Amino acid sequence: MKILYICTHNRCRSILCEAITNASKGNVEARSAGSQPVGEVHPLSLKYLAERGIDTQGLRSQSWEEFEDYNADLVVTVCDSAAGESCPVYFGKSLKVHWGLEDPSKLEGTEEEKAKAFNTTIDIIEKRVAALAELADKNLDKAALKEALSNLGAN
């Protein structure tokens, strides 16, 4: 299953999702993009992924315009502002769902508080990705996949 994670700036949450998905065991492949990418990955995203042994090579903030030919099976928005945007027409054949995540990079606080926020977000993503990988192995049709994702909290 090919998954494209979308977040407006493509610097934190969608990047975390991409890296964790590609590190998972399962029939899943992920990329991430943004409608308004900032051009750099948040350094704490890279730090906390690396601390968990997740490869960060090749991660970059990029526009969804670069994915016209990716043909994602599933497009997942992970921030509320991206969920409200109109996706490009070339995502038309992809199943689209929203799976909101709080942005740990916006937390103002101590290093310990930031670490907790990032690690909590990573824990949530790991659970979701494990569920997605199980669904990918079932080769569900689009309607069954949408229902299964809904049961896991996607909308």
N, C-alpha and C. Protein backbone atom coordinates (compact mmCIF):
# COMPACT_ATOMS: atom_id res chain seq x y z
N MET A 1 0.85 -1.17 0.00
CA MET A 1 0.00 0.00 0.00
C MET A 1 0.90 1.24 0.00
N LYS A 2 0.65 2.12 -0.93
CA LYS A 2 1.39 3.38 -1.01
C LYS A 2 0.61 4.47 -0.28
N ILE A 3 1.28 5.12 0.66
CA ILE A 3 0.63 6.14 1.50
C ILE A 3 1.36 7.47 1.32
N LEU A 4 0.59 8.54 1.19
CA LEU A 4 1.14 9.88 1.16
C LEU A 4 0.57 10.64 2.35
N TYR A 5 1.45 11.05 3.26
CA TYR A 5 1.04 11.83 4.42
C TYR A 5 1.16 13.31 4.08
N ILE A 6 0.11 14.05 4.38
CA ILE A 6 0.06 15.48 4.07
C ILE A 6 -0.07 16.30 5.35
N CYS A 7 0.78 17.30 5.46
CA CYS A 7 0.69 18.31 6.51
C CYS A 7 1.07 19.62 5.83
N THR A 8 0.47 20.69 6.20
CA THR A 8 0.66 21.95 5.49
C THR A 8 2.14 22.26 5.24
N HIS A 9 2.96 22.24 6.29
CA HIS A 9 4.36 22.65 6.14
C HIS A 9 5.33 21.50 5.91
N ASN A 10 4.90 20.27 6.08
CA ASN A 10 5.73 19.09 5.85
C ASN A 10 7.09 19.24 6.52
N ARG A 11 7.05 19.45 7.85
CA ARG A 11 8.32 19.59 8.57
C ARG A 11 8.36 18.76 9.84
N CYS A 12 7.20 18.25 10.30
CA CYS A 12 7.20 17.53 11.56
C CYS A 12 6.31 16.28 11.48
N ARG A 13 4.99 16.45 11.67
CA ARG A 13 4.10 15.29 11.79
C ARG A 13 4.11 14.38 10.57
N SER A 14 4.00 14.95 9.39
CA SER A 14 3.99 14.11 8.18
C SER A 14 5.35 13.45 7.97
N ILE A 15 6.40 14.13 8.33
CA ILE A 15 7.76 13.57 8.25
C ILE A 15 7.88 12.39 9.22
N LEU A 16 7.40 12.56 10.45
CA LEU A 16 7.43 11.47 11.41
C LEU A 16 6.68 10.26 10.87
N CYS A 17 5.51 10.51 10.29
CA CYS A 17 4.69 9.41 9.74
C CYS A 17 5.42 8.69 8.62
N GLU A 18 6.02 9.46 7.72
CA GLU A 18 6.75 8.86 6.61
C GLU A 18 7.86 7.94 7.12
N ALA A 19 8.70 8.45 8.01
CA ALA A 19 9.84 7.69 8.51
C ALA A 19 9.40 6.44 9.26
N ILE A 20 8.40 6.59 10.11
CA ILE A 20 7.92 5.44 10.91
C ILE A 20 7.28 4.39 10.01
N THR A 21 6.50 4.83 9.03
CA THR A 21 5.88 3.88 8.11
C THR A 21 6.94 3.11 7.34
N ASN A 22 7.93 3.80 6.82
CA ASN A 22 8.95 3.12 6.03
C ASN A 22 9.86 2.23 6.87
N ALA A 23 9.89 2.47 8.18
CA ALA A 23 10.68 1.62 9.08
C ALA A 23 9.88 0.41 9.56
N SER A 24 8.58 0.42 9.28
CA SER A 24 7.72 -0.66 9.79
C SER A 24 7.87 -1.93 8.96
N LYS A 25 7.42 -2.99 9.57
CA LYS A 25 7.37 -4.25 8.84
C LYS A 25 5.96 -4.35 8.27
N GLY A 26 5.88 -4.54 7.01
CA GLY A 26 4.57 -4.64 6.38
C GLY A 26 4.63 -4.19 4.94
N ASN A 27 3.53 -4.35 4.29
CA ASN A 27 3.40 -4.05 2.88
C ASN A 27 2.99 -2.59 2.69
N VAL A 28 3.78 -1.67 3.26
CA VAL A 28 3.48 -0.25 3.18
C VAL A 28 4.72 0.53 2.74
N GLU A 29 4.47 1.57 1.98
CA GLU A 29 5.52 2.48 1.52
C GLU A 29 4.95 3.88 1.70
N ALA A 30 5.74 4.79 2.23
CA ALA A 30 5.20 6.12 2.49
C ALA A 30 6.11 7.22 1.97
N ARG A 31 5.45 8.32 1.67
CA ARG A 31 6.10 9.59 1.36
C ARG A 31 5.33 10.65 2.13
N SER A 32 5.89 11.84 2.22
CA SER A 32 5.16 12.93 2.85
C SER A 32 5.37 14.20 2.05
N ALA A 33 4.40 15.10 2.19
CA ALA A 33 4.46 16.35 1.44
C ALA A 33 3.59 17.39 2.13
N GLY A 34 3.70 18.61 1.65
CA GLY A 34 2.90 19.69 2.19
C GLY A 34 2.35 20.58 1.10
N SER A 35 1.27 21.25 1.41
CA SER A 35 0.71 22.21 0.47
C SER A 35 1.54 23.49 0.44
N GLN A 36 2.20 23.78 1.56
CA GLN A 36 3.06 24.96 1.69
C GLN A 36 4.34 24.56 2.43
N PRO A 37 5.15 23.70 1.84
CA PRO A 37 6.33 23.20 2.56
C PRO A 37 7.29 24.32 2.91
N VAL A 38 7.90 24.17 4.08
CA VAL A 38 8.85 25.19 4.54
C VAL A 38 10.27 24.93 4.06
N GLY A 39 10.50 23.77 3.48
CA GLY A 39 11.81 23.50 2.90
C GLY A 39 12.83 22.88 3.83
N GLU A 40 12.46 22.66 5.10
CA GLU A 40 13.38 21.98 6.01
C GLU A 40 12.60 21.15 7.02
N VAL A 41 13.19 20.06 7.40
CA VAL A 41 12.60 19.18 8.41
C VAL A 41 12.94 19.75 9.78
N HIS A 42 11.97 19.74 10.69
CA HIS A 42 12.22 20.24 12.03
C HIS A 42 13.32 19.39 12.68
N PRO A 43 14.35 20.03 13.23
CA PRO A 43 15.48 19.27 13.78
C PRO A 43 15.10 18.30 14.90
N LEU A 44 14.08 18.63 15.67
CA LEU A 44 13.68 17.70 16.74
C LEU A 44 12.98 16.46 16.17
N SER A 45 12.36 16.59 15.02
CA SER A 45 11.79 15.40 14.36
C SER A 45 12.92 14.42 14.07
N LEU A 46 13.99 14.92 13.49
CA LEU A 46 15.14 14.07 13.17
C LEU A 46 15.78 13.50 14.43
N LYS A 47 15.91 14.32 15.45
CA LYS A 47 16.54 13.89 16.70
C LYS A 47 15.77 12.73 17.34
N TYR A 48 14.46 12.88 17.48
CA TYR A 48 13.71 11.85 18.20
C TYR A 48 13.48 10.60 17.37
N LEU A 49 13.45 10.73 16.05
CA LEU A 49 13.41 9.53 15.20
C LEU A 49 14.73 8.77 15.36
N ALA A 50 15.83 9.48 15.28
CA ALA A 50 17.15 8.84 15.39
C ALA A 50 17.33 8.17 16.75
N GLU A 51 16.83 8.81 17.81
CA GLU A 51 16.95 8.20 19.14
C GLU A 51 16.23 6.86 19.22
N ARG A 52 15.23 6.68 18.37
CA ARG A 52 14.50 5.40 18.35
C ARG A 52 15.05 4.44 17.31
N GLY A 53 16.13 4.84 16.67
CA GLY A 53 16.75 3.96 15.68
C GLY A 53 16.04 3.97 14.34
N ILE A 54 15.27 4.99 14.07
CA ILE A 54 14.53 5.09 12.80
C ILE A 54 15.35 5.93 11.83
N ASP A 55 15.55 5.39 10.64
CA ASP A 55 16.36 6.04 9.61
C ASP A 55 15.76 7.38 9.20
N THR A 56 16.59 8.40 9.15
CA THR A 56 16.14 9.73 8.74
C THR A 56 16.77 10.16 7.41
N GLN A 57 17.55 9.29 6.80
CA GLN A 57 18.19 9.62 5.52
C GLN A 57 17.12 9.91 4.47
N GLY A 58 17.32 10.98 3.74
CA GLY A 58 16.43 11.31 2.63
C GLY A 58 15.17 12.05 3.01
N LEU A 59 14.93 12.25 4.29
CA LEU A 59 13.72 12.98 4.69
C LEU A 59 13.90 14.45 4.33
N ARG A 60 12.87 15.01 3.68
CA ARG A 60 12.93 16.42 3.32
C ARG A 60 11.54 17.00 3.21
N SER A 61 11.45 18.28 3.42
CA SER A 61 10.19 19.00 3.30
C SER A 61 9.97 19.30 1.82
N GLN A 62 8.83 18.82 1.29
CA GLN A 62 8.59 18.97 -0.14
C GLN A 62 7.12 19.22 -0.43
N SER A 63 6.87 19.72 -1.61
CA SER A 63 5.52 20.06 -2.03
C SER A 63 4.77 18.83 -2.53
N TRP A 64 3.47 18.85 -2.32
CA TRP A 64 2.65 17.77 -2.86
C TRP A 64 2.64 17.79 -4.38
N GLU A 65 3.07 18.88 -4.98
CA GLU A 65 3.18 18.96 -6.44
C GLU A 65 4.18 17.94 -6.97
N GLU A 66 5.11 17.51 -6.15
CA GLU A 66 6.12 16.54 -6.56
C GLU A 66 5.58 15.11 -6.63
N PHE A 67 4.32 14.93 -6.25
CA PHE A 67 3.78 13.58 -6.15
C PHE A 67 2.64 13.30 -7.13
N GLU A 68 2.61 14.05 -8.19
CA GLU A 68 1.57 13.85 -9.20
C GLU A 68 1.59 12.43 -9.74
N ASP A 69 2.76 11.84 -9.87
CA ASP A 69 2.88 10.49 -10.43
C ASP A 69 3.07 9.40 -9.38
N TYR A 70 2.93 9.74 -8.11
CA TYR A 70 3.15 8.76 -7.04
C TYR A 70 2.03 7.72 -6.97
N ASN A 71 0.82 8.09 -7.33
CA ASN A 71 -0.32 7.17 -7.32
C ASN A 71 -0.53 6.50 -5.96
N ALA A 72 -0.67 7.33 -4.95
CA ALA A 72 -0.89 6.81 -3.60
C ALA A 72 -2.23 6.07 -3.51
N ASP A 73 -2.22 4.97 -2.80
CA ASP A 73 -3.48 4.27 -2.51
C ASP A 73 -4.25 5.03 -1.44
N LEU A 74 -3.51 5.66 -0.55
CA LEU A 74 -4.09 6.33 0.60
C LEU A 74 -3.39 7.67 0.82
N VAL A 75 -4.18 8.74 0.95
CA VAL A 75 -3.67 10.05 1.30
C VAL A 75 -4.20 10.37 2.69
N VAL A 76 -3.28 10.60 3.64
CA VAL A 76 -3.64 10.83 5.03
C VAL A 76 -3.20 12.24 5.43
N THR A 77 -4.16 13.08 5.76
CA THR A 77 -3.81 14.38 6.31
C THR A 77 -3.63 14.20 7.82
N VAL A 78 -2.60 14.87 8.35
CA VAL A 78 -2.31 14.71 9.77
C VAL A 78 -2.40 16.02 10.54
N CYS A 79 -2.72 17.11 9.84
CA CYS A 79 -2.95 18.38 10.54
C CYS A 79 -4.30 18.93 10.08
N ASP A 80 -4.96 19.62 10.99
CA ASP A 80 -6.31 20.11 10.70
C ASP A 80 -6.34 21.08 9.54
N SER A 81 -5.33 21.93 9.40
CA SER A 81 -5.37 22.90 8.30
C SER A 81 -5.23 22.19 6.96
N ALA A 82 -4.41 21.15 6.88
CA ALA A 82 -4.27 20.40 5.63
C ALA A 82 -5.56 19.64 5.32
N ALA A 83 -6.24 19.17 6.35
CA ALA A 83 -7.49 18.43 6.14
C ALA A 83 -8.54 19.31 5.50
N GLY A 84 -8.49 20.62 5.77
CA GLY A 84 -9.47 21.54 5.23
C GLY A 84 -9.15 22.04 3.84
N GLU A 85 -7.96 21.73 3.34
CA GLU A 85 -7.56 22.19 2.02
C GLU A 85 -8.05 21.24 0.94
N SER A 86 -8.25 21.77 -0.24
CA SER A 86 -8.61 20.94 -1.38
C SER A 86 -7.35 20.28 -1.92
N CYS A 87 -7.38 18.97 -1.99
CA CYS A 87 -6.24 18.24 -2.52
C CYS A 87 -6.17 18.42 -4.03
N PRO A 88 -4.97 18.33 -4.60
CA PRO A 88 -4.85 18.40 -6.05
C PRO A 88 -5.66 17.30 -6.73
N VAL A 89 -6.11 17.58 -7.92
CA VAL A 89 -6.98 16.65 -8.65
C VAL A 89 -6.31 15.30 -8.88
N TYR A 90 -4.98 15.26 -8.96
CA TYR A 90 -4.32 13.99 -9.24
C TYR A 90 -4.35 13.04 -8.04
N PHE A 91 -4.85 13.47 -6.90
CA PHE A 91 -5.09 12.56 -5.78
C PHE A 91 -6.48 11.95 -5.86
N GLY A 92 -7.21 12.23 -6.91
CA GLY A 92 -8.60 11.85 -7.05
C GLY A 92 -8.89 10.37 -6.89
N LYS A 93 -8.00 9.51 -7.32
CA LYS A 93 -8.23 8.07 -7.22
C LYS A 93 -7.81 7.50 -5.87
N SER A 94 -7.12 8.30 -5.08
CA SER A 94 -6.65 7.85 -3.77
C SER A 94 -7.76 7.96 -2.73
N LEU A 95 -7.78 7.01 -1.82
CA LEU A 95 -8.65 7.12 -0.65
C LEU A 95 -8.05 8.20 0.24
N LYS A 96 -8.89 9.14 0.70
CA LYS A 96 -8.41 10.24 1.54
C LYS A 96 -9.04 10.16 2.91
N VAL A 97 -8.21 10.24 3.94
CA VAL A 97 -8.69 10.25 5.32
C VAL A 97 -7.90 11.28 6.12
N HIS A 98 -8.47 11.69 7.23
CA HIS A 98 -7.80 12.61 8.14
C HIS A 98 -7.54 11.88 9.45
N TRP A 99 -6.31 11.97 9.89
CA TRP A 99 -5.91 11.35 11.14
C TRP A 99 -5.09 12.39 11.89
N GLY A 100 -5.78 13.30 12.53
CA GLY A 100 -5.14 14.45 13.17
C GLY A 100 -4.17 14.08 14.27
N LEU A 101 -3.12 14.87 14.32
CA LEU A 101 -2.09 14.74 15.36
C LEU A 101 -1.75 16.13 15.87
N GLU A 102 -1.53 16.24 17.16
CA GLU A 102 -1.06 17.52 17.69
C GLU A 102 0.38 17.73 17.24
N ASP A 103 0.75 18.98 17.04
CA ASP A 103 2.08 19.30 16.54
C ASP A 103 3.06 19.49 17.70
N PRO A 104 3.95 18.51 17.93
CA PRO A 104 4.88 18.65 19.05
C PRO A 104 5.91 19.76 18.83
N SER A 105 6.11 20.16 17.58
CA SER A 105 7.11 21.19 17.30
C SER A 105 6.65 22.58 17.72
N LYS A 106 5.38 22.72 18.03
CA LYS A 106 4.86 24.02 18.45
C LYS A 106 4.87 24.20 19.96
N LEU A 107 5.25 23.16 20.67
CA LEU A 107 5.27 23.24 22.13
C LEU A 107 6.38 24.17 22.60
N GLU A 108 6.00 25.09 23.44
CA GLU A 108 6.98 25.95 24.12
C GLU A 108 7.18 25.33 25.50
N GLY A 109 8.39 25.03 25.85
CA GLY A 109 8.62 24.44 27.16
C GLY A 109 10.05 23.99 27.31
N THR A 110 10.25 23.19 28.34
CA THR A 110 11.58 22.66 28.62
C THR A 110 11.93 21.57 27.62
N GLU A 111 13.20 21.22 27.59
CA GLU A 111 13.64 20.14 26.72
C GLU A 111 12.92 18.84 27.08
N GLU A 112 12.71 18.63 28.36
CA GLU A 112 12.00 17.44 28.82
C GLU A 112 10.56 17.42 28.31
N GLU A 113 9.89 18.56 28.35
CA GLU A 113 8.51 18.66 27.87
C GLU A 113 8.45 18.45 26.35
N LYS A 114 9.41 18.99 25.65
CA LYS A 114 9.45 18.79 24.19
C LYS A 114 9.70 17.32 23.86
N ALA A 115 10.62 16.70 24.59
CA ALA A 115 10.91 15.28 24.37
C ALA A 115 9.66 14.45 24.60
N LYS A 116 8.94 14.76 25.66
CA LYS A 116 7.71 14.02 25.97
C LYS A 116 6.69 14.21 24.85
N ALA A 117 6.54 15.43 24.36
CA ALA A 117 5.56 15.70 23.30
C ALA A 117 5.93 14.94 22.02
N PHE A 118 7.19 14.97 21.63
CA PHE A 118 7.60 14.25 20.42
C PHE A 118 7.44 12.75 20.60
N ASN A 119 7.86 12.23 21.74
CA ASN A 119 7.77 10.79 21.95
C ASN A 119 6.33 10.31 22.05
N THR A 120 5.45 11.12 22.61
CA THR A 120 4.02 10.77 22.64
C THR A 120 3.47 10.71 21.22
N THR A 121 3.81 11.70 20.40
CA THR A 121 3.35 11.71 19.01
C THR A 121 3.90 10.51 18.25
N ILE A 122 5.17 10.20 18.45
CA ILE A 122 5.77 9.04 17.79
C ILE A 122 5.08 7.75 18.24
N ASP A 123 4.76 7.63 19.51
CA ASP A 123 4.04 6.44 20.01
C ASP A 123 2.70 6.28 19.30
N ILE A 124 1.97 7.38 19.16
CA ILE A 124 0.67 7.35 18.48
C ILE A 124 0.84 6.91 17.04
N ILE A 125 1.81 7.49 16.36
CA ILE A 125 2.05 7.14 14.95
C ILE A 125 2.44 5.68 14.81
N GLU A 126 3.29 5.19 15.70
CA GLU A 126 3.69 3.78 15.62
C GLU A 126 2.49 2.85 15.74
N LYS A 127 1.56 3.15 16.62
CA LYS A 127 0.36 2.33 16.77
C LYS A 127 -0.49 2.38 15.51
N ARG A 128 -0.65 3.58 14.95
CA ARG A 128 -1.45 3.73 13.73
C ARG A 128 -0.80 3.02 12.55
N VAL A 129 0.49 3.14 12.44
CA VAL A 129 1.21 2.50 11.33
C VAL A 129 1.12 0.98 11.45
N ALA A 130 1.22 0.45 12.65
CA ALA A 130 1.07 -1.00 12.83
C ALA A 130 -0.31 -1.45 12.36
N ALA A 131 -1.33 -0.67 12.68
CA ALA A 131 -2.69 -1.00 12.22
C ALA A 131 -2.80 -0.87 10.70
N LEU A 132 -2.18 0.17 10.13
CA LEU A 132 -2.20 0.33 8.67
C LEU A 132 -1.50 -0.83 7.98
N ALA A 133 -0.38 -1.26 8.53
CA ALA A 133 0.36 -2.37 7.93
C ALA A 133 -0.48 -3.65 7.94
N GLU A 134 -1.22 -3.87 9.03
CA GLU A 134 -2.11 -5.04 9.08
C GLU A 134 -3.19 -4.94 8.02
N LEU A 135 -3.75 -3.75 7.85
CA LEU A 135 -4.78 -3.55 6.83
C LEU A 135 -4.22 -3.74 5.43
N ALA A 136 -3.00 -3.28 5.20
CA ALA A 136 -2.37 -3.41 3.88
C ALA A 136 -2.22 -4.88 3.51
N ASP A 137 -1.92 -5.71 4.49
CA ASP A 137 -1.74 -7.13 4.23
C ASP A 137 -3.05 -7.83 3.88
N LYS A 138 -4.17 -7.20 4.18
CA LYS A 138 -5.47 -7.81 3.90
C LYS A 138 -5.98 -7.52 2.49
N ASN A 139 -5.33 -6.62 1.77
CA ASN A 139 -5.74 -6.27 0.40
C ASN A 139 -7.23 -5.94 0.31
N LEU A 140 -7.69 -5.05 1.17
CA LEU A 140 -9.09 -4.66 1.20
C LEU A 140 -9.43 -3.75 0.02
N ASP A 141 -10.69 -3.81 -0.42
CA ASP A 141 -11.11 -2.84 -1.44
C ASP A 141 -11.27 -1.48 -0.76
N LYS A 142 -11.49 -0.45 -1.56
CA LYS A 142 -11.49 0.92 -1.05
C LYS A 142 -12.55 1.14 0.03
N ALA A 143 -13.74 0.61 -0.17
CA ALA A 143 -14.83 0.79 0.81
C ALA A 143 -14.50 0.10 2.13
N ALA A 144 -13.99 -1.12 2.05
CA ALA A 144 -13.64 -1.86 3.27
C ALA A 144 -12.46 -1.20 3.99
N LEU A 145 -11.51 -0.69 3.22
CA LEU A 145 -10.37 0.00 3.82
C LEU A 145 -10.83 1.27 4.52
N LYS A 146 -11.71 2.04 3.89
CA LYS A 146 -12.23 3.26 4.50
C LYS A 146 -12.95 2.95 5.81
N GLU A 147 -13.75 1.89 5.81
CA GLU A 147 -14.47 1.51 7.02
C GLU A 147 -13.49 1.07 8.12
N ALA A 148 -12.49 0.29 7.75
CA ALA A 148 -11.50 -0.17 8.73
C ALA A 148 -10.71 1.01 9.29
N LEU A 149 -10.36 1.96 8.44
CA LEU A 149 -9.65 3.16 8.92
C LEU A 149 -10.52 3.99 9.83
N SER A 150 -11.79 4.08 9.50
CA SER A 150 -12.75 4.82 10.34
C SER A 150 -12.84 4.16 11.72
N ASN A 151 -12.86 2.86 11.74
CA ASN A 151 -12.91 2.14 13.02
C ASN A 151 -11.67 2.36 13.85
N LEU A 152 -10.57 2.73 13.20
CA LEU A 152 -9.32 3.03 13.90
C LEU A 152 -9.19 4.51 14.27
N GLY A 153 -10.22 5.30 13.94
CA GLY A 153 -10.22 6.71 14.34
C GLY A 153 -10.00 7.72 13.23
N ALA A 154 -9.83 7.26 12.00
CA ALA A 154 -9.67 8.19 10.88
C ALA A 154 -11.04 8.72 10.49
N ASN A 155 -11.06 9.94 9.98
CA ASN A 155 -12.31 10.48 9.46
C ASN A 155 -12.06 11.23 8.18
